[in-house]
C-alpha atoms as a PDB file:
ATOM      1  CA  MET A   1     -37.360  -4.977   1.934  1.00  0.00           C
ATOM      2  CA  LEU A   2     -35.917  -6.786  -0.841  1.00  0.00           C
ATOM      3  CA  SER A   3     -32.311  -6.043   0.277  1.00  0.00           C
ATOM      4  CA  LEU A   4     -32.825  -6.904   4.060  1.00  0.00           C
ATOM      5  CA  VAL A   5     -33.992 -10.400   2.526  1.00  0.00           C
ATOM      6  CA  SER A   6     -30.741 -10.478   0.238  1.00  0.00           C
ATOM      7  CA  GLU A   7     -28.482  -9.945   3.013  1.00  0.00           C
ATOM      8  CA  THR A   8     -30.268 -12.253   5.460  1.00  0.00           C
ATOM      9  CA  ALA A   9     -29.584 -14.623   2.642  1.00  0.00           C
ATOM     10  CA  VAL A  10     -25.883 -13.832   2.106  1.00  0.00           C
ATOM     11  CA  SER A  11     -25.528 -13.900   6.021  1.00  0.00           C
ATOM     12  CA  LEU A  12     -27.030 -17.275   6.232  1.00  0.00           C
ATOM     13  CA  THR A  13     -25.253 -18.734   3.084  1.00  0.00           C
ATOM     14  CA  LEU A  14     -21.793 -17.622   4.544  1.00  0.00           C
ATOM     15  CA  LEU A  15     -23.081 -18.680   8.121  1.00  0.00           C
ATOM     16  CA  ILE A  16     -23.649 -22.161   6.606  1.00  0.00           C
ATOM     17  CA  LEU A  17     -20.794 -22.247   4.615  1.00  0.00           C
ATOM     18  CA  ASN A  18     -18.237 -21.677   8.268  1.00  0.00           C
ATOM     19  CA  LEU A  19     -19.733 -24.377   9.395  1.00  0.00           C
ATOM     20  CA  LEU A  20     -19.071 -27.109   6.349  1.00  0.00           C
ATOM     21  CA  ALA A  21     -15.630 -25.904   5.937  1.00  0.00           C
ATOM     22  CA  PRO A  22     -13.871 -28.022   8.355  1.00  0.00           C
ATOM     23  CA  LEU A  23     -15.990 -31.011   6.753  1.00  0.00           C
ATOM     24  CA  GLU A  24     -15.160 -30.469   3.391  1.00  0.00           C
ATOM     25  CA  VAL A  25     -11.030 -30.168   3.788  1.00  0.00           C
ATOM     26  CA  PRO A  26      -9.022 -31.024   6.810  1.00  0.00           C
ATOM     27  CA  VAL A  27      -7.863 -27.937   9.198  1.00  0.00           C
ATOM     28  CA  ASP A  28      -5.197 -27.448  11.405  1.00  0.00           C
ATOM     29  CA  LYS A  29      -6.358 -24.731  14.113  1.00  0.00           C
ATOM     30  CA  GLY A  30      -5.319 -22.561  15.922  1.00  0.00           C
ATOM     31  CA  ARG A  31      -1.037 -23.123  15.233  1.00  0.00           C
ATOM     32  CA  ALA A  32       0.817 -20.648  16.613  1.00  0.00           C
ATOM     33  CA  TYR A  33       2.875 -18.672  14.181  1.00  0.00           C
ATOM     34  CA  ALA A  34       4.135 -15.839  17.311  1.00  0.00           C
ATOM     35  CA  ALA A  35       3.495 -15.938  20.582  1.00  0.00           C
ATOM     36  CA  GLY A  36       0.158 -14.563  22.242  1.00  0.00           C
ATOM     37  CA  GLU A  37      -3.207 -15.602  21.808  1.00  0.00           C
ATOM     38  CA  SER A  38      -3.900 -13.277  18.865  1.00  0.00           C
ATOM     39  CA  HIS A  39      -1.119 -14.759  17.167  1.00  0.00           C
ATOM     40  CA  GLN A  40      -2.677 -18.146  15.909  1.00  0.00           C
ATOM     41  CA  ALA A  41      -3.214 -19.448  12.276  1.00  0.00           C
ATOM     42  CA  ASP A  42      -5.710 -21.605  10.453  1.00  0.00           C
ATOM     43  CA  ILE A  43      -3.971 -24.362   7.950  1.00  0.00           C
ATOM     44  CA  TYR A  44      -6.428 -25.478   5.159  1.00  0.00           C
ATOM     45  CA  ARG A  45      -5.268 -28.590   3.394  1.00  0.00           C
ATOM     46  CA  PRO A  46      -5.972 -29.648   0.172  1.00  0.00           C
ATOM     47  CA  SER A  47      -6.046 -33.689  -1.171  1.00  0.00           C
ATOM     48  CA  GLY A  48      -2.937 -34.983  -2.482  1.00  0.00           C
ATOM     49  CA  PRO A  49       0.786 -35.576  -1.468  1.00  0.00           C
ATOM     50  CA  GLY A  50       2.273 -31.654  -2.948  1.00  0.00           C
ATOM     51  CA  PRO A  51       3.989 -29.702  -2.358  1.00  0.00           C
ATOM     52  CA  HIS A  52       1.191 -27.065  -3.337  1.00  0.00           C
ATOM     53  CA  PRO A  53       0.553 -23.612  -4.016  1.00  0.00           C
ATOM     54  CA  VAL A  54       0.333 -21.710  -0.507  1.00  0.00           C
ATOM     55  CA  VAL A  55      -1.914 -18.965  -0.054  1.00  0.00           C
ATOM     56  CA  VAL A  56      -2.038 -16.332   3.174  1.00  0.00           C
ATOM     57  CA  PHE A  57      -5.412 -15.363   3.417  1.00  0.00           C
ATOM     58  CA  LEU A  58      -5.525 -11.897   5.394  1.00  0.00           C
ATOM     59  CA  TYR A  59      -9.502 -10.958   5.783  1.00  0.00           C
ATOM     60  CA  GLY A  60     -10.836  -7.348   6.238  1.00  0.00           C
ATOM     61  CA  GLY A  61     -12.630  -5.608   8.930  1.00  0.00           C
ATOM     62  CA  GLY A  62     -11.982  -1.583   8.467  1.00  0.00           C
ATOM     63  CA  TRP A  63      -8.938  -2.513  10.716  1.00  0.00           C
ATOM     64  CA  ARG A  64     -11.285  -2.773  13.945  1.00  0.00           C
ATOM     65  CA  SER A  65     -12.840  -5.776  13.446  1.00  0.00           C
ATOM     66  CA  GLY A  66     -12.885  -9.461  11.936  1.00  0.00           C
ATOM     67  CA  SER A  67     -11.906 -13.346  12.496  1.00  0.00           C
ATOM     68  CA  LYS A  68     -10.069 -16.139  11.012  1.00  0.00           C
ATOM     69  CA  GLU A  69     -13.518 -17.721  11.657  1.00  0.00           C
ATOM     70  CA  GLU A  70     -15.676 -15.931   9.432  1.00  0.00           C
ATOM     71  CA  VAL A  71     -13.477 -16.157   6.747  1.00  0.00           C
ATOM     72  CA  ALA A  72     -13.623 -20.118   7.368  1.00  0.00           C
ATOM     73  CA  TYR A  73     -15.363 -20.561   3.707  1.00  0.00           C
ATOM     74  CA  VAL A  74     -12.869 -19.003   2.180  1.00  0.00           C
ATOM     75  CA  GLY A  75      -9.777 -21.331   3.270  1.00  0.00           C
ATOM     76  CA  ALA A  76     -12.167 -24.498   2.512  1.00  0.00           C
ATOM     77  CA  ALA A  77     -12.582 -23.018  -1.109  1.00  0.00           C
ATOM     78  CA  PHE A  78      -8.467 -22.316  -1.591  1.00  0.00           C
ATOM     79  CA  ALA A  79      -8.003 -25.634  -0.152  1.00  0.00           C
ATOM     80  CA  ARG A  80     -10.831 -27.025  -2.817  1.00  0.00           C
ATOM     81  CA  ARG A  81      -8.915 -25.865  -5.461  1.00  0.00           C
ATOM     82  CA  GLY A  82      -5.570 -27.058  -4.681  1.00  0.00           C
ATOM     83  CA  PHE A  83      -3.935 -24.736  -2.608  1.00  0.00           C
ATOM     84  CA  VAL A  84      -2.769 -24.628   1.343  1.00  0.00           C
ATOM     85  CA  THR A  85      -4.329 -22.054   3.055  1.00  0.00           C
ATOM     86  CA  VAL A  86      -3.247 -20.269   6.058  1.00  0.00           C
ATOM     87  CA  ILE A  87      -5.766 -18.224   7.976  1.00  0.00           C
ATOM     88  CA  PRO A  88      -4.085 -15.768  10.733  1.00  0.00           C
ATOM     89  CA  GLU A  89      -5.995 -13.786  13.437  1.00  0.00           C
ATOM     90  CA  TYR A  90      -4.289 -10.464  13.937  1.00  0.00           C
ATOM     91  CA  ARG A  91      -5.078  -7.596  16.242  1.00  0.00           C
ATOM     92  CA  HIS A  92      -7.425  -4.985  15.836  1.00  0.00           C
ATOM     93  CA  VAL A  93      -7.452  -1.168  16.152  1.00  0.00           C
ATOM     94  CA  PRO A  94      -7.474   0.077  18.928  1.00  0.00           C
ATOM     95  CA  ALA A  95      -6.022  -2.031  20.886  1.00  0.00           C
ATOM     96  CA  ALA A  96      -3.397  -2.165  18.704  1.00  0.00           C
ATOM     97  CA  SER A  97      -1.795   0.196  16.102  1.00  0.00           C
ATOM     98  CA  LEU A  98      -1.786  -0.002  12.436  1.00  0.00           C
ATOM     99  CA  PRO A  99       2.414  -1.085  12.675  1.00  0.00           C
ATOM    100  CA  ASP A 100       1.042  -3.637  15.189  1.00  0.00           C
ATOM    101  CA  ILE A 101      -1.137  -4.850  12.457  1.00  0.00           C
ATOM    102  CA  LEU A 102       1.254  -4.902   9.754  1.00  0.00           C
ATOM    103  CA  ASN A 103       3.825  -6.949  12.219  1.00  0.00           C
ATOM    104  CA  ASP A 104       1.608  -9.454  13.234  1.00  0.00           C
ATOM    105  CA  ASN A 105       0.516 -10.254   9.728  1.00  0.00           C
ATOM    106  CA  ALA A 106       4.677 -10.393   8.564  1.00  0.00           C
ATOM    107  CA  ALA A 107       5.294 -12.541  11.308  1.00  0.00           C
ATOM    108  CA  ALA A 108       2.504 -15.230  10.064  1.00  0.00           C
ATOM    109  CA  VAL A 109       3.276 -14.314   6.218  1.00  0.00           C
ATOM    110  CA  ALA A 110       7.362 -15.100   7.615  1.00  0.00           C
ATOM    111  CA  TRP A 111       6.219 -18.119   9.670  1.00  0.00           C
ATOM    112  CA  THR A 112       4.616 -19.670   6.494  1.00  0.00           C
ATOM    113  CA  LEU A 113       7.630 -19.049   4.390  1.00  0.00           C
ATOM    114  CA  ALA A 114       9.745 -21.114   6.875  1.00  0.00           C
ATOM    115  CA  HIS A 115       6.912 -23.761   7.436  1.00  0.00           C
ATOM    116  CA  ALA A 116       5.400 -24.279   4.010  1.00  0.00           C
ATOM    117  CA  ALA A 117       7.063 -27.416   3.607  1.00  0.00           C
ATOM    118  CA  GLU A 118       5.747 -29.310   6.887  1.00  0.00           C
ATOM    119  CA  PHE A 119       1.842 -29.243   5.848  1.00  0.00           C
ATOM    120  CA  ALA A 120       2.742 -29.967   1.882  1.00  0.00           C
ATOM    121  CA  GLY A 121       3.303 -26.804   0.822  1.00  0.00           C
ATOM    122  CA  ASP A 122       5.876 -25.259  -1.910  1.00  0.00           C
ATOM    123  CA  PRO A 123       7.781 -22.169   0.239  1.00  0.00           C
ATOM    124  CA  HIS A 124       8.536 -20.849  -3.636  1.00  0.00           C
ATOM    125  CA  ARG A 125       5.183 -20.172  -4.131  1.00  0.00           C
ATOM    126  CA  VAL A 126       3.370 -18.413  -1.805  1.00  0.00           C
ATOM    127  CA  VAL A 127       1.030 -15.727  -2.659  1.00  0.00           C
ATOM    128  CA  ILE A 128      -0.964 -13.222   0.362  1.00  0.00           C
ATOM    129  CA  VAL A 129      -4.258 -12.652  -0.568  1.00  0.00           C
ATOM    130  CA  GLY A 130      -5.796  -9.877   0.795  1.00  0.00           C
ATOM    131  CA  HIS A 131      -9.160  -8.505   1.341  1.00  0.00           C
ATOM    132  CA  SER A 132     -10.284  -4.924   2.031  1.00  0.00           C
ATOM    133  CA  SER A 133      -8.177  -3.901   5.410  1.00  0.00           C
ATOM    134  CA  GLY A 134      -6.442  -7.602   4.148  1.00  0.00           C
ATOM    135  CA  ALA A 135      -5.834  -6.348   0.807  1.00  0.00           C
ATOM    136  CA  TRP A 136      -3.730  -3.067   2.448  1.00  0.00           C
ATOM    137  CA  ALA A 137      -1.781  -5.193   4.563  1.00  0.00           C
ATOM    138  CA  ALA A 138      -1.332  -7.587   1.497  1.00  0.00           C
ATOM    139  CA  ALA A 139       0.066  -4.731  -0.228  1.00  0.00           C
ATOM    140  CA  MET A 140       2.420  -2.807   2.502  1.00  0.00           C
ATOM    141  CA  LEU A 141       4.122  -6.122   2.959  1.00  0.00           C
ATOM    142  CA  GLY A 142       4.967  -6.485  -0.936  1.00  0.00           C
ATOM    143  CA  LEU A 143       5.762  -2.950  -1.195  1.00  0.00           C
ATOM    144  CA  ASP A 144       7.605  -1.600   1.613  1.00  0.00           C
ATOM    145  CA  ALA A 145      10.114  -4.332   2.403  1.00  0.00           C
ATOM    146  CA  ALA A 146      10.928  -3.372   5.962  1.00  0.00           C
ATOM    147  CA  TRP A 147       8.147  -5.330   7.525  1.00  0.00           C
ATOM    148  CA  LEU A 148       9.379  -8.452   6.206  1.00  0.00           C
ATOM    149  CA  GLU A 149      12.948  -7.407   6.719  1.00  0.00           C
ATOM    150  CA  ARG A 150      11.336  -7.295  10.767  1.00  0.00           C
ATOM    151  CA  ALA A 151       9.961 -10.247  10.729  1.00  0.00           C
ATOM    152  CA  GLY A 152      13.260 -12.580   9.336  1.00  0.00           C
ATOM    153  CA  THR A 153      11.950 -12.384   5.410  1.00  0.00           C
ATOM    154  CA  SER A 154      11.576 -10.421   2.374  1.00  0.00           C
ATOM    155  CA  PRO A 155       8.888  -9.226  -0.752  1.00  0.00           C
ATOM    156  CA  GLU A 156      11.361 -11.656  -2.585  1.00  0.00           C
ATOM    157  CA  ALA A 157      10.765 -14.772  -1.268  1.00  0.00           C
ATOM    158  CA  LEU A 158       6.981 -14.052  -2.294  1.00  0.00           C
ATOM    159  CA  ALA A 159       5.551 -15.613  -5.138  1.00  0.00           C
ATOM    160  CA  GLY A 160       3.066 -12.750  -5.867  1.00  0.00           C
ATOM    161  CA  ILE A 161       0.339 -10.326  -3.863  1.00  0.00           C
ATOM    162  CA  VAL A 162      -3.644  -9.751  -4.374  1.00  0.00           C
ATOM    163  CA  GLY A 163      -5.611  -7.071  -3.520  1.00  0.00           C
ATOM    164  CA  LEU A 164      -9.525  -7.248  -3.314  1.00  0.00           C
ATOM    165  CA  SER A 165     -11.099  -4.277  -2.719  1.00  0.00           C
ATOM    166  CA  GLY A 166      -8.113  -2.798  -1.109  1.00  0.00           C
ATOM    167  CA  PRO A 167      -7.822   0.916   0.568  1.00  0.00           C
ATOM    168  CA  TYR A 168      -4.075   2.033  -1.101  1.00  0.00           C
ATOM    169  CA  ALA A 169      -4.832   5.452  -0.347  1.00  0.00           C
ATOM    170  CA  VAL A 170      -6.491   6.711   2.334  1.00  0.00           C
ATOM    171  CA  ALA A 171      -8.231   9.179  -0.519  1.00  0.00           C
ATOM    172  CA  ALA A 172     -10.462   5.683  -1.106  1.00  0.00           C
ATOM    173  CA  LEU A 173     -11.962   5.403   1.941  1.00  0.00           C
ATOM    174  CA  THR A 174     -15.572   6.563   2.147  1.00  0.00           C
ATOM    175  CA  ASP A 175     -16.597   5.536   5.709  1.00  0.00           C
ATOM    176  CA  PRO A 176     -15.309   7.636   8.403  1.00  0.00           C
ATOM    177  CA  GLN A 177     -14.989   5.556  10.634  1.00  0.00           C
ATOM    178  CA  ASP A 178     -12.203   3.935   8.265  1.00  0.00           C
ATOM    179  CA  ARG A 179     -10.715   7.294   7.556  1.00  0.00           C
ATOM    180  CA  GLN A 180     -10.134   7.962  11.612  1.00  0.00           C
ATOM    181  CA  VAL A 181      -7.921   5.103  11.809  1.00  0.00           C
ATOM    182  CA  PHE A 182      -5.271   6.921   9.673  1.00  0.00           C
ATOM    183  CA  ALA A 183      -5.440  10.195  11.707  1.00  0.00           C
ATOM    184  CA  GLY A 184      -2.478  12.052  11.972  1.00  0.00           C
ATOM    185  CA  SER A 185      -0.696   8.054  10.752  1.00  0.00           C
ATOM    186  CA  ASP A 186       2.653   8.937   8.666  1.00  0.00           C
ATOM    187  CA  GLN A 187       2.414   8.789   5.031  1.00  0.00           C
ATOM    188  CA  ALA A 188       4.222   5.739   4.804  1.00  0.00           C
ATOM    189  CA  LEU A 189       1.691   3.740   6.103  1.00  0.00           C
ATOM    190  CA  GLN A 190      -0.133   4.376   2.638  1.00  0.00           C
ATOM    191  CA  PRO A 191       0.800   1.384   0.150  1.00  0.00           C
ATOM    192  CA  ILE A 192       0.345   3.985  -3.321  1.00  0.00           C
ATOM    193  CA  ASN A 193       3.567   5.800  -1.516  1.00  0.00           C
ATOM    194  CA  HIS A 194       5.483   2.575  -1.898  1.00  0.00           C
ATOM    195  CA  ALA A 195       5.261   1.949  -5.864  1.00  0.00           C
ATOM    196  CA  ALA A 196       8.067   3.301  -6.858  1.00  0.00           C
ATOM    197  CA  GLY A 197       9.917  -0.054  -6.002  1.00  0.00           C
ATOM    198  CA  PRO A 198      10.556  -3.399  -7.201  1.00  0.00           C
ATOM    199  CA  HIS A 199       7.767  -5.377  -5.533  1.00  0.00           C
ATOM    200  CA  PRO A 200       6.203  -8.942  -6.319  1.00  0.00           C
ATOM    201  CA  ALA A 201       3.845  -9.963  -8.965  1.00  0.00           C
ATOM    202  CA  MET A 202       0.670  -7.879  -8.310  1.00  0.00           C
ATOM    203  CA  LEU A 203      -3.000  -8.787  -9.404  1.00  0.00           C
ATOM    204  CA  LEU A 204      -5.733  -5.958  -8.049  1.00  0.00           C
ATOM    205  CA  LEU A 205      -8.887  -6.699  -8.335  1.00  0.00           C
ATOM    206  CA  THR A 206     -11.897  -4.801  -7.427  1.00  0.00           C
ATOM    207  CA  GLY A 207     -15.707  -4.436  -7.914  1.00  0.00           C
ATOM    208  CA  ALA A 208     -17.102  -1.207  -9.713  1.00  0.00           C
ATOM    209  CA  ALA A 209     -20.281  -0.845  -7.398  1.00  0.00           C
ATOM    210  CA  ASP A 210     -17.789  -0.846  -4.421  1.00  0.00           C
ATOM    211  CA  ARG A 211     -19.307   1.961  -2.198  1.00  0.00           C
ATOM    212  CA  ASP A 212     -16.762   1.384   0.918  1.00  0.00           C
ATOM    213  CA  VAL A 213     -13.468   1.683  -1.417  1.00  0.00           C
ATOM    214  CA  LYS A 214     -13.322   3.591  -4.002  1.00  0.00           C
ATOM    215  CA  PRO A 215     -12.547   1.437  -7.200  1.00  0.00           C
ATOM    216  CA  SER A 216     -10.394   4.772  -8.437  1.00  0.00           C
ATOM    217  CA  GLY A 217      -7.662   3.986  -5.802  1.00  0.00           C
ATOM    218  CA  THR A 218      -7.040   0.247  -7.273  1.00  0.00           C
ATOM    219  CA  VAL A 219      -6.702   2.028 -10.365  1.00  0.00           C
ATOM    220  CA  ALA A 220      -4.284   5.077  -9.114  1.00  0.00           C
ATOM    221  CA  LEU A 221      -2.302   1.715  -7.479  1.00  0.00           C
ATOM    222  CA  ALA A 222      -1.986  -0.234 -10.847  1.00  0.00           C
ATOM    223  CA  GLU A 223      -1.096   3.017 -12.516  1.00  0.00           C
ATOM    224  CA  LYS A 224       1.907   3.947 -10.017  1.00  0.00           C
ATOM    225  CA  LEU A 225       2.839   0.225 -10.198  1.00  0.00           C
ATOM    226  CA  GLN A 226       3.025   0.022 -14.107  1.00  0.00           C
ATOM    227  CA  ARG A 227       5.942   2.579 -13.867  1.00  0.00           C
ATOM    228  CA  SER A 228       8.258   0.605 -11.494  1.00  0.00           C
ATOM    229  CA  ALA A 229      10.117  -3.145 -11.787  1.00  0.00           C
ATOM    230  CA  GLY A 230       7.124  -5.719 -11.382  1.00  0.00           C
ATOM    231  CA  THR A 231       4.436  -7.635 -13.013  1.00  0.00           C
ATOM    232  CA  GLN A 232       0.838  -5.697 -11.808  1.00  0.00           C
ATOM    233  CA  GLN A 233      -2.488  -7.158 -13.854  1.00  0.00           C
ATOM    234  CA  VAL A 234      -5.570  -4.957 -12.766  1.00  0.00           C
ATOM    235  CA  ARG A 235      -9.522  -5.945 -13.040  1.00  0.00           C
ATOM    236  CA  ILE A 236     -12.456  -4.060 -12.165  1.00  0.00           C
ATOM    237  CA  TYR A 237     -15.989  -6.933 -11.938  1.00  0.00           C
ATOM    238  CA  PRO A 238     -18.997  -4.774 -13.253  1.00  0.00           C
ATOM    239  CA  GLY A 239     -22.130  -4.788 -10.724  1.00  0.00           C
ATOM    240  CA  LEU A 240     -19.882  -6.186  -7.869  1.00  0.00           C
ATOM    241  CA  GLY A 241     -19.636  -4.270  -4.384  1.00  0.00           C
ATOM    242  CA  HIS A 242     -17.232  -4.578  -1.617  1.00  0.00           C
ATOM    243  CA  GLY A 243     -18.589  -7.487   0.240  1.00  0.00           C
ATOM    244  CA  ASP A 244     -19.182  -9.613  -2.989  1.00  0.00           C
ATOM    245  CA  MET A 245     -15.452  -9.704  -3.934  1.00  0.00           C
ATOM    246  CA  VAL A 246     -14.601 -11.740  -0.961  1.00  0.00           C
ATOM    247  CA  GLU A 247     -17.938 -13.392  -1.162  1.00  0.00           C
ATOM    248  CA  ALA A 248     -17.506 -14.665  -4.822  1.00  0.00           C
ATOM    249  CA  LEU A 249     -13.989 -17.193  -3.494  1.00  0.00           C
ATOM    250  CA  SER A 250     -16.448 -19.719  -2.973  1.00  0.00           C
ATOM    251  CA  VAL A 251     -19.583 -21.253  -4.330  1.00  0.00           C
ATOM    252  CA  PRO A 252     -22.563 -20.237  -4.710  1.00  0.00           C
ATOM    253  CA  PHE A 253     -21.379 -16.804  -5.196  1.00  0.00           C
ATOM    254  CA  SER A 254     -18.396 -17.989  -7.844  1.00  0.00           C
ATOM    255  CA  LEU A 255     -20.856 -19.056  -9.816  1.00  0.00           C
ATOM    256  CA  HIS A 256     -21.443 -14.993 -10.938  1.00  0.00           C
ATOM    257  CA  ALA A 257     -18.242 -13.977 -11.142  1.00  0.00           C
ATOM    258  CA  SER A 258     -14.829 -15.116 -12.575  1.00  0.00           C
ATOM    259  CA  VAL A 259     -13.233 -13.259  -9.090  1.00  0.00           C
ATOM    260  CA  ALA A 260     -11.982 -17.239  -7.953  1.00  0.00           C
ATOM    261  CA  LYS A 261     -11.484 -17.991 -11.274  1.00  0.00           C
ATOM    262  CA  ASP A 262      -8.925 -15.327 -11.658  1.00  0.00           C
ATOM    263  CA  ILE A 263      -6.732 -15.224  -8.459  1.00  0.00           C
ATOM    264  CA  CYS A 264      -6.793 -19.078  -9.212  1.00  0.00           C
ATOM    265  CA  ARG A 265      -4.838 -18.292 -12.513  1.00  0.00           C
ATOM    266  CA  PHE A 266      -3.072 -16.049 -11.191  1.00  0.00           C
ATOM    267  CA  VAL A 267      -1.377 -18.305  -8.029  1.00  0.00           C
ATOM    268  CA  ASP A 268      -1.019 -21.160 -10.526  1.00  0.00           C
ATOM    269  CA  ALA A 269       1.511 -19.261 -12.067  1.00  0.00           C
ATOM    270  CA  ALA A 270       3.284 -17.385  -9.709  1.00  0.00           C
ATOM    271  CA  ARG A 271       6.507 -18.485  -8.520  1.00  0.00           C
ATOM    272  CA  ALA A 272       8.822 -16.435  -6.387  1.00  0.00           C
ATOM    273  CA  GLY A 273      11.597 -14.613  -7.768  1.00  0.00           C
ATOM    274  CA  HIS A 274       9.861 -14.340 -11.683  1.00  0.00           C
END
């Protein structure tokens, strides 16, 4: 019963935070980054003239669900900390394939790089931050250059990649439905299989109590990246579960963990080509 009460309280808090988000910071909603209704993004702006660092936030949902509206609180939280934040919508399984999802996110990132200056962002300080399946997409875009190159840019244009509770290998997934998404898929769709080459600076974060995506997957990717050309950091937070990692990006949850501070420190220092 206590757990149910706690989950309800968290859900209500997130609902309130999402409703307050457009009242806290300026938001440009529904900006098209490509043709089609599914290809729109919301842009959360910080105060001041800029140019500001830019975060492209890719939400999670097991590849099958989620929306930019459900993580409005993340956009507001990053904007309050001085980052322009772009949250794109993208297609989901089963209506779309895993390559479709990567193409959507790559198009959103390419659009952000091209248009960052229009909303007081610095195109040389664009960092992709993803949670769960969004972290999978962020890692794929940073490690497998083909996706961004197809969209007209490259991983070299990025200042960095941040993955929260990312499933970088199918072996890290515990939910049978999540694993089913990858049934029969190409091994090239697992980020861990692209860890040998150069890549943008990466920050890999996960919770020790994550029961949905095993932390060992984050550790395995970090170990492989250490043998490649590029900078990477990894941190495991005691007591945090899968959802806790993204919730910790905003108050009041950020008061109990340093996830938001660690990401902000990384974004503040990140520069493309460094």
